[in-house]
Amino acid sequence: MTIFNTLQPELRRGAKAILLATVLCGGAVASAGAETKISFSVAKEYGAFSQSVAAAASDDKDIAAFYRDSGYAPIWTGEGQEARRSALLNALAGAGAHGLPVKRYDPAQLIAAARNAHTEGDRGRLDVMMTRALLDYAHDVQTGALTPGKVIPLIKRDVQLRDRRKNLEAFLAAEPVAFLKSLPPRTQAYAQLMRAKFELEQRVAAGGWGEKVSATSLKPGATGPAVLQLRDRLVALRYLPRSATASYDGSIQKAVQAFQTDMGLEANGVANETTIEQLNIGPQERLEAVVVAMERERWMNIARGPRHIWVNLTDFTAKIVDHGRVTFTTRSVIGANTSDRQTPEFSDEMEYMVINPSWNVPRSITTKEYLPMMQRNPNAAGHLKIVDSRGRVVPRSAINFAAYSARSFPYSMRQPPSDGNALGLVKFIFPNQYNIYLHDTPSKSLFAREVRAFSHGCIRLSDPMDFAYALLAAQTDDPVGLFKSHLATGQESTVMLDVPLPVHLVYFTAYPSNTGRIEYRRDVYGRDAAIFRALTDAGVALGQHQG
């Protein structure tokens, strides 16, 4: 397929002017014939070209240095460079398929500049424009169009940007089309998200998924217009083959269960209010979630480790992944949806676990929650010890709590190891400046909830012992015995992991399952909505809203 078939219609005429006619400065129109062609001869004197390149690249030290080191040789506008130009324009025209802001690279402007390049100065400026477009596109498709921390401060992800000069050198040394195709993340998830984006765009253009389900809730055995809407919605979403059933029968119940599983809901086959709410979300909103997921996948265009821990905050789970296969899953509780409790996003390495941990109460909790309680009643929170700066336990009777403010309170608080310890019987440490870790909890009831955002920021695990056994199985033949021998002492002890394990705290509201179907989750912190707004502000354009 040629570039003319893939460019947006408004670009095709200009692109043809570049690619078929080899438009570049110094061109001369050949004699009239069946097809008009433009040829050009490269000027032997590069003075004006070099000066133009130097001026155009002066605000970009990487580009300026590259041209200077190469003696201002043209990258795009010399003889024999048609393949490079064609490959770049084709990639830029297809940037929208990646959910990127096409106007940032502006292939239309490049085409217009090429058509109007009549002097060596024009040609120099065009050469720099195309180099800048290549590097901007490479940056965005490799590692994202946005800087995550500028959009959401609690996204602490260290995006591994590629070296711009090395990218340019690699492009010049490679076959252009192959190089450009190698830039996006090579993960299976990215390819599946990209395919889902295309399919959702088609569905939006076709008018959506039909009528929404008008009922508040529906149970098996129900009949009526709302059941027909439910049936048709499930057919449109590909959870149910075409069916003429007019009642909420077993086939519909099974389809509802499959849908609930993919949405992270209780898979009971009953279309309750939450299930119908999720069913009624249209393809436009799902498309937005997929586009944000593609951007997030670009931020994580890194080696994640053959064995790693994957904590998707929106899914409320923690998983161990071995060579692409999930080998352990447990439910989790994440930080509450308040400004001071949300769990941040970042990657690190788990180094050890602490069995029978003490809980060193964070300063913010000590002063905001416990100090006011103790000012009212000095014996409040009696399960916690008051500790001075030298680590000595101080009797409460020796402290006038009313004399201190949150800023001046000179003590810390600690809970010794016990069955009732806030951290339970084990915590899993990946040292980080945010003081976030995974841990057990004596409060198990919250794991039965669908939305589990209740903690102060750390990740509570429903099955911490089994999680510990799964981690230790990589370094001992008796992980259960090793763990229980430490537990039985009742004393705090540390067990190092022989091989530190990458931990990724992520936030995907759309992500492929093992079967390739896209699963969706609720935007519990509203982060994806903010990211999509930022992508829109950057120039990402999607179709119009449909139901």
Protein backbone atom coordinates (compact mmCIF):
# COMPACT_ATOMS: atom_id res chain seq x y z
CA MET A 1 0.00 0.00 0.00
CA THR A 2 1.44 3.38 -0.97
CA ILE A 3 1.53 6.46 1.20
CA PHE A 4 -1.27 8.00 -0.87
CA ASN A 5 -3.69 5.31 0.29
CA THR A 6 -2.92 5.86 3.97
CA LEU A 7 -2.64 9.63 4.17
CA GLN A 8 -5.69 11.59 5.19
CA PRO A 9 -7.52 12.75 2.04
CA GLU A 10 -6.56 16.38 2.50
CA LEU A 11 -2.87 15.37 2.54
CA ARG A 12 -2.85 13.04 -0.42
CA ARG A 13 -2.56 15.64 -3.14
CA GLY A 14 0.37 17.30 -1.39
CA ALA A 15 2.01 14.00 -0.59
CA LYS A 16 1.76 13.01 -4.23
CA ALA A 17 3.47 16.25 -5.13
CA ILE A 18 6.36 15.22 -2.90
CA LEU A 19 6.66 11.55 -3.57
CA LEU A 20 5.76 11.09 -7.21
CA ALA A 21 7.27 14.36 -8.32
CA THR A 22 10.25 14.24 -5.97
CA VAL A 23 9.59 17.82 -4.99
CA LEU A 24 12.61 19.53 -3.58
CA CYS A 25 14.40 22.76 -4.14
CA GLY A 26 16.26 23.31 -7.34
CA GLY A 27 13.66 21.28 -9.24
CA ALA A 28 12.89 21.75 -12.88
CA VAL A 29 9.69 20.69 -14.61
CA ALA A 30 10.33 18.09 -17.34
CA SER A 31 8.69 18.26 -20.73
CA ALA A 32 4.98 17.57 -20.78
CA GLY A 33 4.00 13.93 -21.03
CA ALA A 34 1.68 11.35 -19.57
CA GLU A 35 3.00 12.11 -16.07
CA THR A 36 4.64 15.32 -14.94
CA LYS A 37 7.80 14.71 -12.96
CA ILE A 38 10.08 17.07 -11.11
CA SER A 39 13.77 16.51 -10.86
CA PHE A 40 16.43 18.60 -9.19
CA SER A 41 20.15 18.84 -9.06
CA VAL A 42 21.88 19.28 -5.74
CA ALA A 43 23.81 22.51 -5.59
CA LYS A 44 27.55 22.05 -5.30
CA GLU A 45 27.79 25.02 -2.97
CA TYR A 46 26.18 24.32 0.40
CA GLY A 47 26.80 27.73 1.97
CA ALA A 48 23.21 28.95 1.93
CA PHE A 49 21.89 25.50 2.85
CA SER A 50 24.31 25.18 5.78
CA GLN A 51 23.50 28.64 7.08
CA SER A 52 19.79 27.91 6.83
CA VAL A 53 20.16 24.59 8.66
CA ALA A 54 22.27 26.18 11.41
CA ALA A 55 19.72 28.93 11.93
CA ALA A 56 16.71 26.61 11.87
CA ALA A 57 18.31 24.17 14.32
CA SER A 58 19.74 26.77 16.68
CA ASP A 59 17.00 26.26 19.30
CA ASP A 60 17.59 22.50 19.49
CA LYS A 61 21.05 21.53 20.69
CA ASP A 62 20.73 17.86 19.67
CA ILE A 63 19.69 18.60 16.10
CA ALA A 64 22.19 21.47 15.79
CA ALA A 65 25.04 19.27 17.00
CA PHE A 66 24.13 16.44 14.63
CA TYR A 67 24.10 18.65 11.55
CA ARG A 68 27.28 20.38 12.65
CA ASP A 69 29.10 17.08 13.19
CA SER A 70 27.94 15.78 9.83
CA GLY A 71 29.16 18.87 8.00
CA TYR A 72 25.56 19.98 7.35
CA ALA A 73 24.90 17.12 4.98
CA PRO A 74 21.20 16.92 4.05
CA ILE A 75 19.22 14.14 5.69
CA TRP A 76 16.02 14.45 3.65
CA THR A 77 16.52 16.80 0.75
CA GLY A 78 19.44 15.26 -1.09
CA GLU A 79 19.42 12.93 -4.05
CA GLY A 80 18.42 9.34 -3.30
CA GLN A 81 16.57 10.22 -0.09
CA GLU A 82 13.06 9.67 -1.43
CA ALA A 83 12.60 6.47 0.63
CA ARG A 84 13.30 8.34 3.85
CA ARG A 85 10.83 11.08 3.01
CA SER A 86 8.17 8.60 2.00
CA ALA A 87 8.62 6.49 5.14
CA LEU A 88 8.45 9.50 7.45
CA LEU A 89 5.39 11.05 5.85
CA ASN A 90 3.65 7.68 5.91
CA ALA A 91 4.43 7.23 9.62
CA LEU A 92 3.34 10.76 10.51
CA ALA A 93 0.08 10.39 8.61
CA GLY A 94 -0.58 7.19 10.57
CA ALA A 95 0.22 8.69 13.98
CA GLY A 96 -3.49 8.97 14.71
CA ALA A 97 -3.75 5.18 14.76
CA HIS A 98 -1.54 5.30 17.86
CA GLY A 99 -3.71 7.92 19.52
CA LEU A 100 -1.03 10.58 19.00
CA PRO A 101 -1.47 14.28 18.17
CA VAL A 102 -0.89 14.28 14.40
CA LYS A 103 -0.75 18.06 14.20
CA ARG A 104 2.30 18.07 16.46
CA TYR A 105 4.31 16.60 13.56
CA ASP A 106 2.12 18.31 10.92
CA PRO A 107 2.72 16.33 7.73
CA ALA A 108 0.56 18.89 5.89
CA GLN A 109 3.02 21.63 6.85
CA LEU A 110 5.94 19.51 5.67
CA ILE A 111 4.22 18.94 2.34
CA ALA A 112 3.47 22.64 1.95
CA ALA A 113 7.06 23.56 2.84
CA ALA A 114 8.39 21.08 0.28
CA ARG A 115 6.13 22.41 -2.45
CA ASN A 116 7.32 25.94 -1.71
CA ALA A 117 11.02 25.13 -1.35
CA HIS A 118 12.62 27.17 -4.13
CA THR A 119 15.98 28.15 -2.63
CA GLU A 120 18.84 26.53 -0.77
CA GLY A 121 17.63 28.37 2.33
CA ASP A 122 14.16 26.88 1.91
CA ARG A 123 15.68 23.44 1.49
CA GLY A 124 17.76 23.80 4.67
CA ARG A 125 14.73 24.83 6.70
CA LEU A 126 12.75 21.90 5.28
CA ASP A 127 15.51 19.46 6.17
CA VAL A 128 15.46 20.60 9.80
CA MET A 129 11.64 20.54 9.90
CA MET A 130 11.62 16.91 8.81
CA THR A 131 14.34 15.97 11.31
CA ARG A 132 12.40 17.67 14.10
CA ALA A 133 9.21 15.85 13.06
CA LEU A 134 11.04 12.50 13.08
CA LEU A 135 12.43 13.03 16.58
CA ASP A 136 9.15 14.34 17.97
CA TYR A 137 7.26 11.38 16.55
CA ALA A 138 9.88 8.90 17.78
CA HIS A 139 9.71 10.39 21.28
CA ASP A 140 5.92 10.26 21.42
CA VAL A 141 5.39 6.80 19.95
CA GLN A 142 8.17 5.27 22.04
CA THR A 143 7.61 6.88 25.44
CA GLY A 144 4.40 8.91 25.26
CA ALA A 145 3.12 12.29 24.10
CA LEU A 146 2.65 13.53 27.68
CA THR A 147 4.92 13.83 30.71
CA PRO A 148 2.89 11.83 33.26
CA GLY A 149 3.93 13.70 36.40
CA LYS A 150 2.92 17.02 34.87
CA VAL A 151 -0.61 15.72 34.28
CA ILE A 152 -1.03 13.75 37.51
CA PRO A 153 1.56 14.53 40.23
CA LEU A 154 0.97 11.14 41.87
CA ILE A 155 2.20 9.37 38.74
CA LYS A 156 5.80 9.03 39.87
CA ARG A 157 6.77 6.87 36.92
CA ASP A 158 10.31 7.36 35.67
CA VAL A 159 9.74 7.29 31.91
CA GLN A 160 12.88 6.03 30.20
CA LEU A 161 13.30 8.51 27.35
CA ARG A 162 15.40 7.40 24.39
CA ASP A 163 18.47 9.34 23.34
CA ARG A 164 17.44 11.59 20.45
CA ARG A 165 20.78 11.53 18.69
CA LYS A 166 20.96 7.75 18.88
CA ASN A 167 17.45 7.58 17.44
CA LEU A 168 18.49 9.77 14.53
CA GLU A 169 21.68 7.80 13.92
CA ALA A 170 19.75 4.52 14.06
CA PHE A 171 17.19 5.82 11.57
CA LEU A 172 19.89 6.84 9.10
CA ALA A 173 21.62 3.46 9.43
CA ALA A 174 18.45 1.39 9.04
CA GLU A 175 15.85 0.69 6.41
CA PRO A 176 13.48 3.64 7.06
CA VAL A 177 10.13 1.82 7.12
CA ALA A 178 11.46 -0.98 9.33
CA PHE A 179 12.95 1.50 11.78
CA LEU A 180 9.75 3.51 12.10
CA LYS A 181 7.70 0.36 12.62
CA SER A 182 10.06 -0.69 15.42
CA LEU A 183 9.46 2.44 17.51
CA PRO A 184 6.13 1.69 19.29
CA PRO A 185 6.07 -0.68 22.28
CA ARG A 186 6.54 -4.26 21.14
CA THR A 187 4.25 -5.70 23.79
CA GLN A 188 1.29 -7.87 22.88
CA ALA A 189 -0.89 -5.61 25.02
CA TYR A 190 -0.04 -2.56 22.91
CA ALA A 191 -0.92 -4.36 19.68
CA GLN A 192 -4.21 -5.54 21.19
CA LEU A 193 -5.07 -2.05 22.43
CA MET A 194 -4.30 -0.62 19.00
CA ARG A 195 -6.61 -3.19 17.40
CA ALA A 196 -9.32 -2.37 19.95
CA LYS A 197 -8.98 1.32 19.13
CA PHE A 198 -9.58 0.63 15.44
CA GLU A 199 -12.62 -1.55 16.18
CA LEU A 200 -14.11 0.98 18.59
CA GLU A 201 -13.65 3.78 16.07
CA GLN A 202 -15.56 1.68 13.56
CA ARG A 203 -18.32 1.08 16.09
CA VAL A 204 -18.55 4.79 16.91
CA ALA A 205 -18.81 5.60 13.20
CA ALA A 206 -21.53 2.96 12.80
CA GLY A 207 -23.67 4.54 15.52
CA GLY A 208 -22.70 2.71 18.68
CA TRP A 209 -24.04 -0.45 20.31
CA GLY A 210 -27.72 0.28 19.92
CA GLU A 211 -30.31 1.00 22.57
CA LYS A 212 -29.22 1.25 26.18
CA VAL A 213 -30.80 -1.00 28.78
CA SER A 214 -33.58 1.08 30.31
CA ALA A 215 -34.10 -0.98 33.50
CA THR A 216 -32.37 -0.32 36.81
CA SER A 217 -31.78 -4.04 37.36
CA LEU A 218 -32.83 -7.35 35.78
CA LYS A 219 -32.80 -10.90 37.11
CA PRO A 220 -32.91 -14.29 35.37
CA GLY A 221 -36.45 -15.16 34.36
CA ALA A 222 -37.41 -11.56 33.58
CA THR A 223 -39.17 -10.63 30.33
CA GLY A 224 -40.15 -7.42 28.58
CA PRO A 225 -38.59 -4.64 26.50
CA ALA A 226 -35.62 -4.14 28.85
CA VAL A 227 -34.65 -7.80 28.48
CA LEU A 228 -34.64 -7.40 24.70
CA GLN A 229 -32.40 -4.35 25.12
CA LEU A 230 -30.11 -6.38 27.38
CA ARG A 231 -30.02 -9.23 24.86
CA ASP A 232 -29.24 -6.91 21.94
CA ARG A 233 -26.57 -5.04 23.91
CA LEU A 234 -24.83 -8.30 24.76
CA VAL A 235 -25.00 -9.34 21.09
CA ALA A 236 -23.50 -6.02 19.99
CA LEU A 237 -20.74 -6.39 22.59
CA ARG A 238 -20.02 -9.94 21.33
CA TYR A 239 -20.89 -11.67 24.58
CA LEU A 240 -23.89 -13.40 23.03
CA PRO A 241 -24.47 -14.85 19.56
CA ARG A 242 -27.45 -13.56 17.65
CA SER A 243 -30.54 -14.71 19.51
CA ALA A 244 -34.32 -14.41 19.32
CA THR A 245 -34.87 -15.17 23.00
CA ALA A 246 -37.34 -12.83 24.70
CA SER A 247 -36.63 -13.88 28.29
CA TYR A 248 -33.65 -13.63 30.64
CA ASP A 249 -32.66 -17.24 30.08
CA GLY A 250 -29.52 -19.26 30.80
CA SER A 251 -27.69 -18.02 27.71
CA ILE A 252 -28.20 -14.40 28.73
CA GLN A 253 -27.20 -15.18 32.30
CA LYS A 254 -23.96 -16.79 31.08
CA ALA A 255 -23.24 -13.79 28.83
CA VAL A 256 -23.85 -11.39 31.73
CA GLN A 257 -21.42 -13.40 33.86
CA ALA A 258 -18.72 -13.16 31.18
CA PHE A 259 -19.30 -9.42 30.88
CA GLN A 260 -19.13 -9.00 34.66
CA THR A 261 -15.83 -10.87 34.77
CA ASP A 262 -14.36 -8.57 32.12
CA MET A 263 -15.53 -5.51 34.07
CA GLY A 264 -14.16 -6.71 37.41
CA LEU A 265 -17.64 -7.14 38.88
CA GLU A 266 -19.11 -9.97 40.92
CA ALA A 267 -19.87 -12.57 38.25
CA ASN A 268 -23.27 -13.75 39.51
CA GLY A 269 -25.16 -13.42 36.22
CA VAL A 270 -27.58 -10.89 37.70
CA ALA A 271 -27.77 -7.59 35.81
CA ASN A 272 -27.81 -5.32 38.85
CA GLU A 273 -27.49 -1.54 38.79
CA THR A 274 -23.69 -1.55 38.52
CA THR A 275 -23.70 -4.14 35.73
CA ILE A 276 -26.29 -2.22 33.70
CA GLU A 277 -24.37 1.00 34.28
CA GLN A 278 -21.30 -0.65 32.75
CA LEU A 279 -23.33 -2.18 29.90
CA ASN A 280 -24.69 1.24 28.99
CA ILE A 281 -21.26 2.82 28.57
CA GLY A 282 -20.87 3.58 24.88
CA PRO A 283 -17.96 2.88 22.52
CA GLN A 284 -16.78 6.50 22.62
CA GLU A 285 -16.03 6.31 26.35
CA ARG A 286 -14.41 2.90 25.94
CA LEU A 287 -12.35 4.32 23.07
CA GLU A 288 -11.08 7.10 25.32
CA ALA A 289 -10.04 4.52 27.93
CA VAL A 290 -8.16 2.52 25.30
CA VAL A 291 -6.34 5.60 23.98
CA VAL A 292 -5.25 6.49 27.52
CA ALA A 293 -4.12 2.88 28.06
CA MET A 294 -1.97 3.12 24.91
CA GLU A 295 -0.32 6.26 26.29
CA ARG A 296 0.26 4.51 29.61
CA GLU A 297 1.74 1.51 27.78
CA ARG A 298 4.16 3.87 26.04
CA TRP A 299 5.20 5.30 29.42
CA MET A 300 5.98 1.72 30.44
CA ASN A 301 7.96 0.85 27.31
CA ILE A 302 10.57 -0.85 29.49
CA ALA A 303 11.82 -4.31 30.34
CA ARG A 304 9.38 -5.33 33.09
CA GLY A 305 11.32 -8.38 34.20
CA PRO A 306 10.71 -12.04 33.28
CA ARG A 307 9.22 -12.41 36.76
CA HIS A 308 7.54 -9.37 38.26
CA ILE A 309 4.73 -8.14 40.48
CA TRP A 310 1.89 -6.31 38.73
CA VAL A 311 -0.45 -4.24 40.91
CA ASN A 312 -3.20 -2.66 38.81
CA LEU A 313 -4.80 -0.17 41.18
CA THR A 314 -8.09 -0.01 39.27
CA ASP A 315 -8.36 -3.80 39.32
CA PHE A 316 -7.73 -4.03 43.08
CA THR A 317 -5.42 -7.01 42.61
CA ALA A 318 -1.76 -7.89 43.00
CA LYS A 319 -0.35 -10.50 40.63
CA ILE A 320 2.89 -12.39 40.15
CA VAL A 321 3.71 -12.72 36.45
CA ASP A 322 6.19 -15.35 35.23
CA HIS A 323 7.33 -15.01 31.62
CA GLY A 324 4.07 -13.38 30.60
CA ARG A 325 1.83 -15.80 32.52
CA VAL A 326 -0.01 -14.84 35.71
CA THR A 327 0.93 -17.48 38.32
CA PHE A 328 -0.58 -15.89 41.42
CA THR A 329 -3.39 -13.40 42.07
CA THR A 330 -4.76 -11.90 45.26
CA ARG A 331 -7.28 -9.18 45.94
CA SER A 332 -5.99 -5.87 47.22
CA VAL A 333 -7.14 -2.72 48.97
CA ILE A 334 -5.60 0.53 47.69
CA GLY A 335 -5.46 4.10 48.98
CA ALA A 336 -8.70 5.95 49.56
CA ASN A 337 -9.79 8.51 47.00
CA THR A 338 -8.67 11.59 48.92
CA SER A 339 -5.81 13.91 48.04
CA ASP A 340 -3.60 12.63 50.86
CA ARG A 341 -4.35 8.90 50.59
CA GLN A 342 -4.31 7.96 46.91
CA THR A 343 -1.72 5.33 46.01
CA PRO A 344 0.97 6.68 43.66
CA GLU A 345 2.09 4.93 40.47
CA PHE A 346 5.70 3.88 40.05
CA SER A 347 8.01 0.91 39.50
CA ASP A 348 10.65 -0.38 41.90
CA GLU A 349 12.20 -3.63 43.14
CA MET A 350 10.98 -5.73 46.05
CA GLU A 351 13.99 -6.65 48.17
CA TYR A 352 12.65 -8.34 51.30
CA MET A 353 9.70 -9.16 53.52
CA VAL A 354 9.31 -8.44 57.21
CA ILE A 355 7.54 -11.12 59.24
CA ASN A 356 5.84 -10.07 62.50
CA PRO A 357 6.34 -6.42 61.58
CA SER A 358 6.07 -3.45 63.90
CA TRP A 359 4.00 -0.60 62.54
CA ASN A 360 5.83 2.69 62.68
CA VAL A 361 2.89 5.04 62.36
CA PRO A 362 3.51 7.64 59.61
CA ARG A 363 3.94 11.17 60.89
CA SER A 364 0.88 12.37 58.99
CA ILE A 365 -1.35 9.77 60.66
CA THR A 366 0.18 10.42 64.08
CA THR A 367 -0.47 14.16 63.98
CA LYS A 368 -3.68 14.32 61.95
CA GLU A 369 -5.55 11.37 63.44
CA TYR A 370 -4.09 10.21 66.76
CA LEU A 371 -2.89 13.46 68.34
CA PRO A 372 -6.40 15.02 68.36
CA MET A 373 -7.75 11.79 69.88
CA MET A 374 -5.12 11.82 72.64
CA GLN A 375 -5.72 15.50 73.33
CA ARG A 376 -9.31 14.55 74.15
CA ASN A 377 -8.35 11.34 75.93
CA PRO A 378 -4.67 10.60 76.70
CA ASN A 379 -5.39 6.86 76.79
CA ALA A 380 -6.91 6.77 73.29
CA ALA A 381 -5.32 4.37 70.79
CA GLY A 382 -3.85 2.44 73.70
CA HIS A 383 -2.49 -0.28 71.39
CA LEU A 384 0.14 2.20 70.18
CA LYS A 385 3.36 3.06 72.01
CA ILE A 386 4.58 6.66 72.28
CA VAL A 387 8.28 6.87 71.36
CA ASP A 388 10.75 9.73 71.75
CA SER A 389 13.51 10.74 69.31
CA ARG A 390 15.91 8.22 70.92
CA GLY A 391 13.51 5.31 70.48
CA ARG A 392 12.47 5.12 74.14
CA VAL A 393 8.87 4.39 75.06
CA VAL A 394 7.37 7.33 76.98
CA PRO A 395 4.48 6.84 79.42
CA ARG A 396 1.38 8.78 78.38
CA SER A 397 1.07 10.15 81.89
CA ALA A 398 4.32 12.04 81.30
CA ILE A 399 2.98 13.87 78.22
CA ASN A 400 0.74 16.94 78.12
CA PHE A 401 -0.80 16.31 74.71
CA ALA A 402 -2.71 19.61 74.81
CA ALA A 403 0.58 21.52 74.81
CA TYR A 404 1.44 20.39 71.28
CA SER A 405 0.28 21.12 67.76
CA ALA A 406 0.64 18.87 64.76
CA ARG A 407 3.84 20.72 63.87
CA SER A 408 5.43 20.71 67.34
CA PHE A 409 4.52 17.20 68.57
CA PRO A 410 7.97 15.69 69.32
CA TYR A 411 7.01 12.01 69.53
CA SER A 412 6.37 9.17 67.14
CA MET A 413 4.09 6.15 67.54
CA ARG A 414 4.69 2.46 67.06
CA GLN A 415 2.58 -0.68 67.25
CA PRO A 416 4.55 -3.79 68.29
CA PRO A 417 4.12 -7.11 66.45
CA SER A 418 0.82 -8.82 67.17
CA ASP A 419 -2.14 -10.48 65.52
CA GLY A 420 -3.93 -7.14 65.66
CA ASN A 421 -1.06 -5.12 64.17
CA ALA A 422 -2.26 -2.78 61.42
CA LEU A 423 0.24 -4.44 59.05
CA GLY A 424 -0.91 -7.92 59.98
CA LEU A 425 1.77 -10.60 60.10
CA VAL A 426 3.91 -9.68 57.09
CA LYS A 427 4.85 -6.73 54.91
CA PHE A 428 6.68 -6.72 51.57
CA ILE A 429 9.23 -3.98 51.05
CA PHE A 430 10.45 -2.31 47.87
CA PRO A 431 12.27 0.70 49.39
CA ASN A 432 10.92 3.95 47.98
CA GLN A 433 10.63 7.56 48.98
CA TYR A 434 6.83 7.37 49.07
CA ASN A 435 6.79 4.82 51.93
CA ILE A 436 4.50 2.51 49.94
CA TYR A 437 4.59 -1.25 50.46
CA LEU A 438 2.36 -4.34 50.31
CA HIS A 439 1.15 -5.86 53.57
CA ASP A 440 -1.25 -8.08 55.47
CA THR A 441 -4.14 -6.61 57.48
CA PRO A 442 -6.32 -7.83 60.34
CA SER A 443 -9.32 -6.14 58.66
CA LYS A 444 -10.49 -8.68 56.11
CA SER A 445 -14.07 -7.53 55.47
CA LEU A 446 -13.11 -4.88 52.90
CA PHE A 447 -11.87 -7.52 50.47
CA ALA A 448 -15.49 -8.51 49.79
CA ARG A 449 -16.21 -5.09 48.27
CA GLU A 450 -16.05 -4.49 44.50
CA VAL A 451 -14.41 -1.08 44.90
CA ARG A 452 -11.62 -1.39 47.46
CA ALA A 453 -10.09 2.06 47.98
CA PHE A 454 -9.81 2.47 51.76
CA SER A 455 -6.17 2.50 52.89
CA HIS A 456 -3.80 5.36 53.67
CA GLY A 457 -1.91 4.59 50.45
CA CYS A 458 -0.21 1.24 50.96
CA ILE A 459 -1.50 -1.95 49.32
CA ARG A 460 -3.27 -4.44 51.60
CA LEU A 461 -3.36 -8.06 50.40
CA SER A 462 -6.18 -10.53 50.90
CA ASP A 463 -3.85 -13.57 50.79
CA PRO A 464 -0.50 -12.32 52.10
CA MET A 465 0.75 -15.70 53.36
CA ASP A 466 0.17 -17.38 50.00
CA PHE A 467 1.80 -14.38 48.34
CA ALA A 468 4.84 -14.84 50.59
CA TYR A 469 4.99 -18.57 49.83
CA ALA A 470 4.87 -17.85 46.07
CA LEU A 471 7.76 -15.40 46.40
CA LEU A 472 9.86 -17.71 48.56
CA ALA A 473 9.25 -20.71 46.29
CA ALA A 474 11.85 -19.25 43.94
CA GLN A 475 14.58 -19.67 46.54
CA THR A 476 13.64 -22.60 48.80
CA ASP A 477 12.08 -26.04 48.50
CA ASP A 478 10.04 -25.40 51.64
CA PRO A 479 8.62 -21.86 51.41
CA VAL A 480 5.81 -22.59 53.88
CA GLY A 481 8.18 -24.04 56.48
CA LEU A 482 10.64 -21.17 56.11
CA PHE A 483 7.93 -18.56 56.54
CA LYS A 484 6.26 -20.27 59.51
CA SER A 485 9.57 -20.76 61.31
CA HIS A 486 10.01 -17.00 61.37
CA LEU A 487 6.36 -16.40 62.21
CA ALA A 488 6.46 -18.75 65.19
CA THR A 489 9.08 -16.64 66.99
CA GLY A 490 6.64 -13.77 67.39
CA GLN A 491 9.60 -11.46 66.84
CA GLU A 492 10.12 -9.10 63.96
CA SER A 493 12.44 -10.65 61.38
CA THR A 494 13.53 -9.90 57.83
CA VAL A 495 13.74 -12.40 54.99
CA MET A 496 15.65 -11.17 51.96
CA LEU A 497 14.68 -12.17 48.44
CA ASP A 498 17.67 -13.80 46.76
CA VAL A 499 16.73 -12.02 43.52
CA PRO A 500 14.99 -8.63 43.89
CA LEU A 501 11.66 -8.67 42.06
CA PRO A 502 10.42 -5.76 39.92
CA VAL A 503 7.19 -4.26 41.23
CA HIS A 504 4.94 -2.18 38.96
CA LEU A 505 2.14 -0.13 40.52
CA VAL A 506 0.01 0.73 37.48
CA TYR A 507 -3.40 2.23 36.73
CA PHE A 508 -5.10 0.81 33.66
CA THR A 509 -8.84 1.21 33.15
CA ALA A 510 -8.56 -0.74 29.88
CA TYR A 511 -6.23 -3.70 29.42
CA PRO A 512 -6.25 -6.97 27.45
CA SER A 513 -7.02 -10.22 29.25
CA ASN A 514 -5.14 -13.44 28.50
CA THR A 515 -7.76 -14.15 25.82
CA GLY A 516 -7.14 -10.81 24.11
CA ARG A 517 -10.52 -9.31 25.02
CA ILE A 518 -10.21 -5.83 26.50
CA GLU A 519 -11.24 -5.66 30.14
CA TYR A 520 -12.41 -2.34 31.59
CA ARG A 521 -12.27 -0.94 35.10
CA ARG A 522 -13.69 2.13 36.79
CA ASP A 523 -11.57 5.30 36.91
CA VAL A 524 -11.53 5.24 40.71
CA TYR A 525 -9.21 8.26 41.12
CA GLY A 526 -10.30 10.13 37.98
CA ARG A 527 -6.75 9.97 36.63
CA ASP A 528 -7.59 8.62 33.19
CA ALA A 529 -10.16 11.35 32.64
CA ALA A 530 -7.45 13.94 33.35
CA ILE A 531 -5.00 12.18 31.03
CA PHE A 532 -7.52 12.06 28.21
CA ARG A 533 -8.19 15.79 28.63
CA ALA A 534 -4.45 16.41 28.41
CA LEU A 535 -4.20 14.27 25.28
CA THR A 536 -7.07 16.21 23.73
CA ASP A 537 -5.38 19.50 24.63
CA ALA A 538 -2.21 18.17 22.97
CA GLY A 539 -4.13 17.57 19.75
CA VAL A 540 -5.36 13.97 19.92
CA ALA A 541 -8.67 13.81 18.03
CA LEU A 542 -11.23 11.01 18.21
CA GLY A 543 -14.71 10.51 16.75
CA GLN A 544 -17.94 12.03 18.02
CA HIS A 545 -19.89 10.60 20.93
CA GLN A 546 -22.26 7.74 20.25
CA GLY A 547 -24.40 5.68 22.63
